[in-house]
């Protein structure tokens, strides 16, 4: 008897959880504002950025409050010479 009640209760809870999960919005993957591998000019980051690949940067990258930069399977290559001195801050 107790096993039957437990089985019915667990089945009902599973159905309720399944029904509620239909109304939960899926977590959105963080995107990357950069659409190509070449970044021209300064990039000011104010939101979380998740980017993959190698980026060639001809400018500065500044990460402000609320922003973050995560690079997956890649990195940053700065174009720099005597007239172009950039930074990562």
PDB file of N, CA and C in Angstrom:
ATOM      1  N   UNK A   1       0.829  -1.192   0.000  1.00  0.00           N
ATOM      2  CA  UNK A   1       0.000   0.000   0.000  1.00  0.00           C
ATOM      3  C   UNK A   1       0.877   1.260   0.000  1.00  0.00           C
ATOM      4  N   UNK A   2       1.868   1.308   0.902  1.00  0.00           N
ATOM      5  CA  UNK A   2       2.737   2.479   0.992  1.00  0.00           C
ATOM      6  C   UNK A   2       3.544   2.648  -0.288  1.00  0.00           C
ATOM      7  N   UNK A   3       3.945   1.527  -0.887  1.00  0.00           N
ATOM      8  CA  UNK A   3       4.700   1.593  -2.135  1.00  0.00           C
ATOM      9  C   UNK A   3       3.840   2.151  -3.263  1.00  0.00           C
ATOM     10  N   UNK A   4       2.570   1.789  -3.292  1.00  0.00           N
ATOM     11  CA  UNK A   4       1.657   2.303  -4.321  1.00  0.00           C
ATOM     12  C   UNK A   4       1.458   3.805  -4.166  1.00  0.00           C
ATOM     13  N   UNK A   5       1.305   4.268  -2.930  1.00  0.00           N
ATOM     14  CA  UNK A   5       1.120   5.695  -2.681  1.00  0.00           C
ATOM     15  C   UNK A   5       2.377   6.457  -3.091  1.00  0.00           C
ATOM     16  N   UNK A   6       3.536   5.911  -2.763  1.00  0.00           N
ATOM     17  CA  UNK A   6       4.802   6.544  -3.129  1.00  0.00           C
ATOM     18  C   UNK A   6       4.955   6.603  -4.647  1.00  0.00           C
ATOM     19  N   UNK A   7       4.595   5.538  -5.331  1.00  0.00           N
ATOM     20  CA  UNK A   7       4.695   5.496  -6.792  1.00  0.00           C
ATOM     21  C   UNK A   7       3.785   6.541  -7.426  1.00  0.00           C
ATOM     22  N   UNK A   8       2.563   6.647  -6.942  1.00  0.00           N
ATOM     23  CA  UNK A   8       1.619   7.633  -7.478  1.00  0.00           C
ATOM     24  C   UNK A   8       2.117   9.051  -7.198  1.00  0.00           C
ATOM     25  N   UNK A   9       2.638   9.289  -6.000  1.00  0.00           N
ATOM     26  CA  UNK A   9       3.121  10.620  -5.639  1.00  0.00           C
ATOM     27  C   UNK A   9       4.311  11.020  -6.509  1.00  0.00           C
ATOM     28  N   UNK A  10       5.257  10.109  -6.707  1.00  0.00           N
ATOM     29  CA  UNK A  10       6.424  10.420  -7.536  1.00  0.00           C
ATOM     30  C   UNK A  10       6.038  10.637  -8.996  1.00  0.00           C
ATOM     31  N   UNK A  11       5.078   9.862  -9.485  1.00  0.00           N
ATOM     32  CA  UNK A  11       4.607  10.038 -10.857  1.00  0.00           C
ATOM     33  C   UNK A  11       3.936  11.399 -11.022  1.00  0.00           C
ATOM     34  N   UNK A  12       3.134  11.792 -10.050  1.00  0.00           N
ATOM     35  CA  UNK A  12       2.460  13.091 -10.110  1.00  0.00           C
ATOM     36  C   UNK A  12       3.474  14.229 -10.057  1.00  0.00           C
ATOM     37  N   UNK A  13       4.485  14.104  -9.197  1.00  0.00           N
ATOM     38  CA  UNK A  13       5.508  15.148  -9.104  1.00  0.00           C
ATOM     39  C   UNK A  13       6.307  15.239 -10.404  1.00  0.00           C
ATOM     40  N   UNK A  14       6.610  14.103 -10.998  1.00  0.00           N
ATOM     41  CA  UNK A  14       7.334  14.105 -12.269  1.00  0.00           C
ATOM     42  C   UNK A  14       6.526  14.772 -13.368  1.00  0.00           C
ATOM     43  N   UNK A  15       5.229  14.509 -13.389  1.00  0.00           N
ATOM     44  CA  UNK A  15       4.359  15.153 -14.377  1.00  0.00           C
ATOM     45  C   UNK A  15       4.286  16.652 -14.168  1.00  0.00           C
ATOM     46  N   UNK A  16       4.229  17.073 -12.909  1.00  0.00           N
ATOM     47  CA  UNK A  16       4.180  18.504 -12.598  1.00  0.00           C
ATOM     48  C   UNK A  16       5.475  19.197 -13.011  1.00  0.00           C
ATOM     49  N   UNK A  17       6.594  18.579 -12.706  1.00  0.00           N
ATOM     50  CA  UNK A  17       7.891  19.162 -13.082  1.00  0.00           C
ATOM     51  C   UNK A  17       8.021  19.220 -14.603  1.00  0.00           C
ATOM     52  N   UNK A  18       7.581  18.181 -15.285  1.00  0.00           N
ATOM     53  CA  UNK A  18       7.623  18.174 -16.745  1.00  0.00           C
ATOM     54  C   UNK A  18       6.760  19.268 -17.346  1.00  0.00           C
ATOM     55  N   UNK A  19       5.586  19.472 -16.778  1.00  0.00           N
ATOM     56  CA  UNK A  19       4.690  20.523 -17.268  1.00  0.00           C
ATOM     57  C   UNK A  19       5.283  21.900 -17.023  1.00  0.00           C
ATOM     58  N   UNK A  20       5.835  22.121 -15.837  1.00  0.00           N
ATOM     59  CA  UNK A  20       6.425  23.421 -15.526  1.00  0.00           C
ATOM     60  C   UNK A  20       7.649  23.715 -16.389  1.00  0.00           C
ATOM     61  N   UNK A  21       8.392  22.690 -16.764  1.00  0.00           N
ATOM     62  CA  UNK A  21       9.598  22.912 -17.562  1.00  0.00           C
ATOM     63  C   UNK A  21       9.272  23.415 -18.967  1.00  0.00           C
ATOM     64  N   UNK A  22       8.048  23.235 -19.417  1.00  0.00           N
ATOM     65  CA  UNK A  22       7.664  23.749 -20.735  1.00  0.00           C
ATOM     66  C   UNK A  22       7.606  25.274 -20.738  1.00  0.00           C
ATOM     67  N   UNK A  23       7.421  25.886 -19.571  1.00  0.00           N
ATOM     68  CA  UNK A  23       7.275  27.333 -19.487  1.00  0.00           C
ATOM     69  C   UNK A  23       8.573  28.049 -19.142  1.00  0.00           C
ATOM     70  N   UNK A  24       9.628  27.319 -18.911  1.00  0.00           N
ATOM     71  CA  UNK A  24      10.919  27.917 -18.581  1.00  0.00           C
ATOM     72  C   UNK A  24      11.625  28.274 -19.878  1.00  0.00           C
ATOM     73  N   UNK A  25      12.108  29.506 -19.966  1.00  0.00           N
ATOM     74  CA  UNK A  25      12.844  29.899 -21.166  1.00  0.00           C
ATOM     75  C   UNK A  25      14.252  29.326 -21.101  1.00  0.00           C
ATOM     76  N   UNK A  26      14.739  28.812 -22.200  1.00  0.00           N
ATOM     77  CA  UNK A  26      16.092  28.241 -22.189  1.00  0.00           C
ATOM     78  C   UNK A  26      17.133  29.331 -22.010  1.00  0.00           C
ATOM     79  N   UNK A  27      18.236  28.975 -21.408  1.00  0.00           N
ATOM     80  CA  UNK A  27      19.332  29.926 -21.216  1.00  0.00           C
ATOM     81  C   UNK A  27      19.933  30.260 -22.574  1.00  0.00           C
ATOM     82  N   UNK A  28      20.081  31.531 -22.822  1.00  0.00           N
ATOM     83  CA  UNK A  28      20.656  31.964 -24.089  1.00  0.00           C
ATOM     84  C   UNK A  28      22.177  31.903 -24.011  1.00  0.00           C
ATOM     85  N   UNK A  29      22.766  31.399 -25.054  1.00  0.00           N
ATOM     86  CA  UNK A  29      24.225  31.365 -25.104  1.00  0.00           C
ATOM     87  C   UNK A  29      24.744  32.785 -25.275  1.00  0.00           C
ATOM     88  N   UNK A  30      25.824  33.071 -24.600  1.00  0.00           N
ATOM     89  CA  UNK A  30      26.429  34.389 -24.745  1.00  0.00           C
ATOM     90  C   UNK A  30      27.005  34.500 -26.142  1.00  0.00           C
ATOM     91  N   UNK A  31      26.882  35.665 -26.711  1.00  0.00           N
ATOM     92  CA  UNK A  31      27.371  35.867 -28.061  1.00  0.00           C
ATOM     93  C   UNK A  31      28.649  36.674 -28.091  1.00  0.00           C
ATOM     94  N   UNK A  32      29.076  36.922 -29.286  1.00  0.00           N
ATOM     95  CA  UNK A  32      30.279  37.709 -29.522  1.00  0.00           C
ATOM     96  C   UNK A  32      29.900  38.845 -30.460  1.00  0.00           C
ATOM     97  N   UNK A  33      30.197  40.079 -30.056  1.00  0.00           N
ATOM     98  CA  UNK A  33      29.876  41.236 -30.893  1.00  0.00           C
ATOM     99  C   UNK A  33      30.685  41.259 -32.185  1.00  0.00           C
ATOM    100  N   UNK A  34      31.820  40.595 -32.195  1.00  0.00           N
ATOM    101  CA  UNK A  34      32.688  40.601 -33.374  1.00  0.00           C
ATOM    102  C   UNK A  34      32.243  39.510 -34.339  1.00  0.00           C
ATOM    103  N   UNK A  35      31.956  39.903 -35.566  1.00  0.00           N
ATOM    104  CA  UNK A  35      31.476  38.929 -36.548  1.00  0.00           C
ATOM    105  C   UNK A  35      32.595  38.362 -37.412  1.00  0.00           C
ATOM    106  N   UNK A  36      33.731  39.022 -37.432  1.00  0.00           N
ATOM    107  CA  UNK A  36      34.852  38.539 -38.232  1.00  0.00           C
ATOM    108  C   UNK A  36      36.097  38.396 -37.384  1.00  0.00           C
ATOM    109  N   UNK A  37      37.165  37.928 -38.000  1.00  0.00           N
ATOM    110  CA  UNK A  37      38.400  37.707 -37.245  1.00  0.00           C
ATOM    111  C   UNK A  37      39.273  38.958 -37.167  1.00  0.00           C
ATOM    112  N   UNK A  38      38.953  39.994 -37.944  1.00  0.00           N
ATOM    113  CA  UNK A  38      39.733  41.239 -37.922  1.00  0.00           C
ATOM    114  C   UNK A  38      38.937  42.316 -37.194  1.00  0.00           C
ATOM    115  N   UNK A  39      39.522  42.865 -36.134  1.00  0.00           N
ATOM    116  CA  UNK A  39      38.877  43.920 -35.360  1.00  0.00           C
ATOM    117  C   UNK A  39      39.579  45.228 -35.700  1.00  0.00           C
ATOM    118  N   UNK A  40      38.865  46.136 -36.347  1.00  0.00           N
ATOM    119  CA  UNK A  40      39.404  47.440 -36.729  1.00  0.00           C
ATOM    120  C   UNK A  40      38.889  48.486 -35.751  1.00  0.00           C
ATOM    121  N   UNK A  41      39.776  49.252 -35.151  1.00  0.00           N
ATOM    122  CA  UNK A  41      39.364  50.288 -34.209  1.00  0.00           C
ATOM    123  C   UNK A  41      39.243  49.737 -32.800  1.00  0.00           C
ATOM    124  N   UNK A  42      38.804  50.585 -31.896  1.00  0.00           N
ATOM    125  CA  UNK A  42      38.714  50.207 -30.489  1.00  0.00           C
ATOM    126  C   UNK A  42      37.452  49.400 -30.226  1.00  0.00           C
ATOM    127  N   UNK A  43      37.573  48.418 -29.359  1.00  0.00           N
ATOM    128  CA  UNK A  43      36.447  47.572 -28.967  1.00  0.00           C
ATOM    129  C   UNK A  43      36.230  47.789 -27.481  1.00  0.00           C
ATOM    130  N   UNK A  44      35.102  48.405 -27.124  1.00  0.00           N
ATOM    131  CA  UNK A  44      34.741  48.636 -25.727  1.00  0.00           C
ATOM    132  C   UNK A  44      33.694  47.598 -25.360  1.00  0.00           C
ATOM    133  N   UNK A  45      34.017  46.765 -24.387  1.00  0.00           N
ATOM    134  CA  UNK A  45      33.151  45.655 -24.001  1.00  0.00           C
ATOM    135  C   UNK A  45      32.392  46.036 -22.734  1.00  0.00           C
ATOM    136  N   UNK A  46      31.064  46.024 -22.809  1.00  0.00           N
ATOM    137  CA  UNK A  46      30.229  46.378 -21.658  1.00  0.00           C
ATOM    138  C   UNK A  46      29.297  45.245 -21.244  1.00  0.00           C
ATOM    139  N   UNK A  47      29.285  44.158 -22.009  1.00  0.00           N
ATOM    140  CA  UNK A  47      28.467  42.986 -21.696  1.00  0.00           C
ATOM    141  C   UNK A  47      29.343  41.744 -21.816  1.00  0.00           C
ATOM    142  N   UNK A  48      28.936  40.630 -21.235  1.00  0.00           N
ATOM    143  CA  UNK A  48      29.741  39.409 -21.373  1.00  0.00           C
ATOM    144  C   UNK A  48      29.860  38.986 -22.840  1.00  0.00           C
ATOM    145  N   UNK A  49      31.071  38.692 -23.259  1.00  0.00           N
ATOM    146  CA  UNK A  49      31.357  38.265 -24.628  1.00  0.00           C
ATOM    147  C   UNK A  49      32.039  36.905 -24.583  1.00  0.00           C
ATOM    148  N   UNK A  50      31.519  35.964 -25.349  1.00  0.00           N
ATOM    149  CA  UNK A  50      32.144  34.648 -25.481  1.00  0.00           C
ATOM    150  C   UNK A  50      32.456  34.473 -26.963  1.00  0.00           C
ATOM    151  N   UNK A  51      33.742  34.496 -27.296  1.00  0.00           N
ATOM    152  CA  UNK A  51      34.175  34.470 -28.689  1.00  0.00           C
ATOM    153  C   UNK A  51      35.117  33.289 -28.906  1.00  0.00           C
ATOM    154  N   UNK A  52      35.085  32.746 -30.101  1.00  0.00           N
ATOM    155  CA  UNK A  52      35.999  31.649 -30.417  1.00  0.00           C
ATOM    156  C   UNK A  52      36.819  32.013 -31.642  1.00  0.00           C
ATOM    157  N   UNK A  53      38.046  31.556 -31.651  1.00  0.00           N
ATOM    158  CA  UNK A  53      38.931  31.801 -32.776  1.00  0.00           C
ATOM    159  C   UNK A  53      39.993  32.837 -32.461  1.00  0.00           C
ATOM    160  N   UNK A  54      40.867  33.044 -33.434  1.00  0.00           N
ATOM    161  CA  UNK A  54      41.959  34.008 -33.317  1.00  0.00           C
ATOM    162  C   UNK A  54      41.505  35.336 -33.908  1.00  0.00           C
ATOM    163  N   UNK A  55      41.700  36.419 -33.158  1.00  0.00           N
ATOM    164  CA  UNK A  55      41.303  37.751 -33.602  1.00  0.00           C
ATOM    165  C   UNK A  55      42.541  38.612 -33.801  1.00  0.00           C
ATOM    166  N   UNK A  56      42.618  39.281 -34.947  1.00  0.00           N
ATOM    167  CA  UNK A  56      43.667  40.251 -35.224  1.00  0.00           C
ATOM    168  C   UNK A  56      43.100  41.617 -34.898  1.00  0.00           C
ATOM    169  N   UNK A  57      43.730  42.315 -33.950  1.00  0.00           N
ATOM    170  CA  UNK A  57      43.188  43.559 -33.417  1.00  0.00           C
ATOM    171  C   UNK A  57      44.041  44.734 -33.883  1.00  0.00           C
ATOM    172  N   UNK A  58      43.404  45.685 -34.564  1.00  0.00           N
ATOM    173  CA  UNK A  58      44.061  46.931 -34.957  1.00  0.00           C
ATOM    174  C   UNK A  58      43.364  48.046 -34.179  1.00  0.00           C
ATOM    175  N   UNK A  59      43.601  48.080 -32.871  1.00  0.00           N
ATOM    176  CA  UNK A  59      42.959  49.025 -31.968  1.00  0.00           C
ATOM    177  C   UNK A  59      43.154  48.561 -30.540  1.00  0.00           C
ATOM    178  N   UNK A  60      42.442  49.188 -29.622  1.00  0.00           N
ATOM    179  CA  UNK A  60      42.519  48.826 -28.206  1.00  0.00           C
ATOM    180  C   UNK A  60      41.267  48.068 -27.797  1.00  0.00           C
ATOM    181  N   UNK A  61      41.411  47.240 -26.784  1.00  0.00           N
ATOM    182  CA  UNK A  61      40.265  46.543 -26.201  1.00  0.00           C
ATOM    183  C   UNK A  61      40.135  47.016 -24.762  1.00  0.00           C
ATOM    184  N   UNK A  62      38.958  47.534 -24.414  1.00  0.00           N
ATOM    185  CA  UNK A  62      38.677  47.990 -23.055  1.00  0.00           C
ATOM    186  C   UNK A  62      37.475  47.224 -22.533  1.00  0.00           C
ATOM    187  N   UNK A  63      37.621  46.625 -21.358  1.00  0.00           N
ATOM    188  CA  UNK A  63      36.524  45.891 -20.734  1.00  0.00           C
ATOM    189  C   UNK A  63      36.025  46.726 -19.563  1.00  0.00           C
ATOM    190  N   UNK A  64      34.815  47.274 -19.703  1.00  0.00           N
ATOM    191  CA  UNK A  64      34.217  48.122 -18.675  1.00  0.00           C
ATOM    192  C   UNK A  64      33.396  47.296 -17.693  1.00  0.00           C
ATOM    193  N   UNK A  65      32.865  47.975 -16.677  1.00  0.00           N
ATOM    194  CA  UNK A  65      32.030  47.317 -15.669  1.00  0.00           C
ATOM    195  C   UNK A  65      30.873  46.591 -16.348  1.00  0.00           C
ATOM    196  N   UNK A  66      30.623  45.381 -15.912  1.00  0.00           N
ATOM    197  CA  UNK A  66      29.554  44.572 -16.494  1.00  0.00           C
ATOM    198  C   UNK A  66      30.000  43.755 -17.687  1.00  0.00           C
ATOM    199  N   UNK A  67      31.191  44.016 -18.173  1.00  0.00           N
ATOM    200  CA  UNK A  67      31.683  43.304 -19.343  1.00  0.00           C
ATOM    201  C   UNK A  67      32.712  42.251 -18.978  1.00  0.00           C
ATOM    202  N   UNK A  68      32.836  41.272 -19.842  1.00  0.00           N
ATOM    203  CA  UNK A  68      33.867  40.249 -19.699  1.00  0.00           C
ATOM    204  C   UNK A  68      34.156  39.694 -21.086  1.00  0.00           C
ATOM    205  N   UNK A  69      35.329  39.132 -21.242  1.00  0.00           N
ATOM    206  CA  UNK A  69      35.723  38.547 -22.523  1.00  0.00           C
ATOM    207  C   UNK A  69      36.275  37.158 -22.270  1.00  0.00           C
ATOM    208  N   UNK A  70      35.625  36.171 -22.861  1.00  0.00           N
ATOM    209  CA  UNK A  70      36.080  34.790 -22.784  1.00  0.00           C
ATOM    210  C   UNK A  70      36.433  34.343 -24.191  1.00  0.00           C
ATOM    211  N   UNK A  71      37.663  33.891 -24.367  1.00  0.00           N
ATOM    212  CA  UNK A  71      38.115  33.391 -25.666  1.00  0.00           C
ATOM    213  C   UNK A  71      38.198  31.875 -25.604  1.00  0.00           C
ATOM    214  N   UNK A  72      37.567  31.222 -26.566  1.00  0.00           N
ATOM    215  CA  UNK A  72      37.556  29.764 -26.626  1.00  0.00           C
ATOM    216  C   UNK A  72      38.337  29.332 -27.862  1.00  0.00           C
ATOM    217  N   UNK A  73      39.334  28.496 -27.658  1.00  0.00           N
ATOM    218  CA  UNK A  73      40.153  27.977 -28.767  1.00  0.00           C
ATOM    219  C   UNK A  73      40.668  29.098 -29.661  1.00  0.00           C
ATOM    220  N   UNK A  74      41.264  30.111 -29.065  1.00  0.00           N
ATOM    221  CA  UNK A  74      41.762  31.213 -29.874  1.00  0.00           C
ATOM    222  C   UNK A  74      42.608  32.165 -29.066  1.00  0.00           C
ATOM    223  N   UNK A  75      42.693  33.387 -29.544  1.00  0.00           N
ATOM    224  CA  UNK A  75      43.489  34.389 -28.857  1.00  0.00           C
ATOM    225  C   UNK A  75      43.406  35.721 -29.565  1.00  0.00           C
ATOM    226  N   UNK A  76      44.263  36.640 -29.122  1.00  0.00           N
ATOM    227  CA  UNK A  76      44.317  37.989 -29.672  1.00  0.00           C
ATOM    228  C   UNK A  76      45.705  38.252 -30.236  1.00  0.00           C
ATOM    229  N   UNK A  77      45.746  38.856 -31.410  1.00  0.00           N
ATOM    230  CA  UNK A  77      47.008  39.268 -32.021  1.00  0.00           C
ATOM    231  C   UNK A  77      46.868  40.754 -32.332  1.00  0.00           C
ATOM    232  N   UNK A  78      47.661  41.588 -31.647  1.00  0.00           N
ATOM    233  CA  UNK A  78      47.585  43.031 -31.846  1.00  0.00           C
ATOM    234  C   UNK A  78      48.532  43.459 -32.957  1.00  0.00           C
ATOM    235  N   UNK A  79      48.025  44.302 -33.861  1.00  0.00           N
ATOM    236  CA  UNK A  79      48.861  44.930 -34.881  1.00  0.00           C
ATOM    237  C   UNK A  79      49.406  46.199 -34.245  1.00  0.00           C
ATOM    238  N   UNK A  80      50.718  46.254 -34.086  1.00  0.00           N
ATOM    239  CA  UNK A  80      51.308  47.374 -33.367  1.00  0.00           C
ATOM    240  C   UNK A  80      52.648  47.732 -33.986  1.00  0.00           C
ATOM    241  N   UNK A  81      52.862  49.021 -34.159  1.00  0.00           N
ATOM    242  CA  UNK A  81      54.155  49.518 -34.619  1.00  0.00           C
ATOM    243  C   UNK A  81      54.416  50.845 -33.912  1.00  0.00           C
ATOM    244  N   UNK A  82      55.358  51.616 -34.389  1.00  0.00           N
ATOM    245  CA  UNK A  82      55.713  52.864 -33.703  1.00  0.00           C
ATOM    246  C   UNK A  82      54.592  53.900 -33.725  1.00  0.00           C
ATOM    247  N   UNK A  83      53.716  53.841 -34.714  1.00  0.00           N
ATOM    248  CA  UNK A  83      52.631  54.822 -34.788  1.00  0.00           C
ATOM    249  C   UNK A  83      51.322  54.294 -34.209  1.00  0.00           C
ATOM    250  N   UNK A  84      51.213  52.994 -34.026  1.00  0.00           N
ATOM    251  CA  UNK A  84      49.993  52.389 -33.488  1.00  0.00           C
ATOM    252  C   UNK A  84      50.344  51.632 -32.210  1.00  0.00           C
ATOM    253  N   UNK A  85      50.106  52.257 -31.082  1.00  0.00           N
ATOM    254  CA  UNK A  85      50.376  51.617 -29.799  1.00  0.00           C
ATOM    255  C   UNK A  85      49.037  51.424 -29.101  1.00  0.00           C
ATOM    256  N   UNK A  86      48.642  50.178 -28.939  1.00  0.00           N
ATOM    257  CA  UNK A  86      47.330  49.853 -28.401  1.00  0.00           C
ATOM    258  C   UNK A  86      47.454  49.192 -27.044  1.00  0.00           C
ATOM    259  N   UNK A  87      46.295  48.941 -26.425  1.00  0.00           N
ATOM    260  CA  UNK A  87      46.323  48.351 -25.090  1.00  0.00           C
ATOM    261  C   UNK A  87      45.133  47.427 -24.886  1.00  0.00           C
ATOM    262  N   UNK A  88      45.255  46.615 -23.870  1.00  0.00           N
ATOM    263  CA  UNK A  88      44.178  45.749 -23.400  1.00  0.00           C
ATOM    264  C   UNK A  88      43.950  46.132 -21.953  1.00  0.00           C
ATOM    265  N   UNK A  89      42.821  46.799 -21.667  1.00  0.00           N
ATOM    266  CA  UNK A  89      42.539  47.263 -20.302  1.00  0.00           C
ATOM    267  C   UNK A  89      41.198  46.771 -19.835  1.00  0.00           C
TER     268      UNK A  89
END
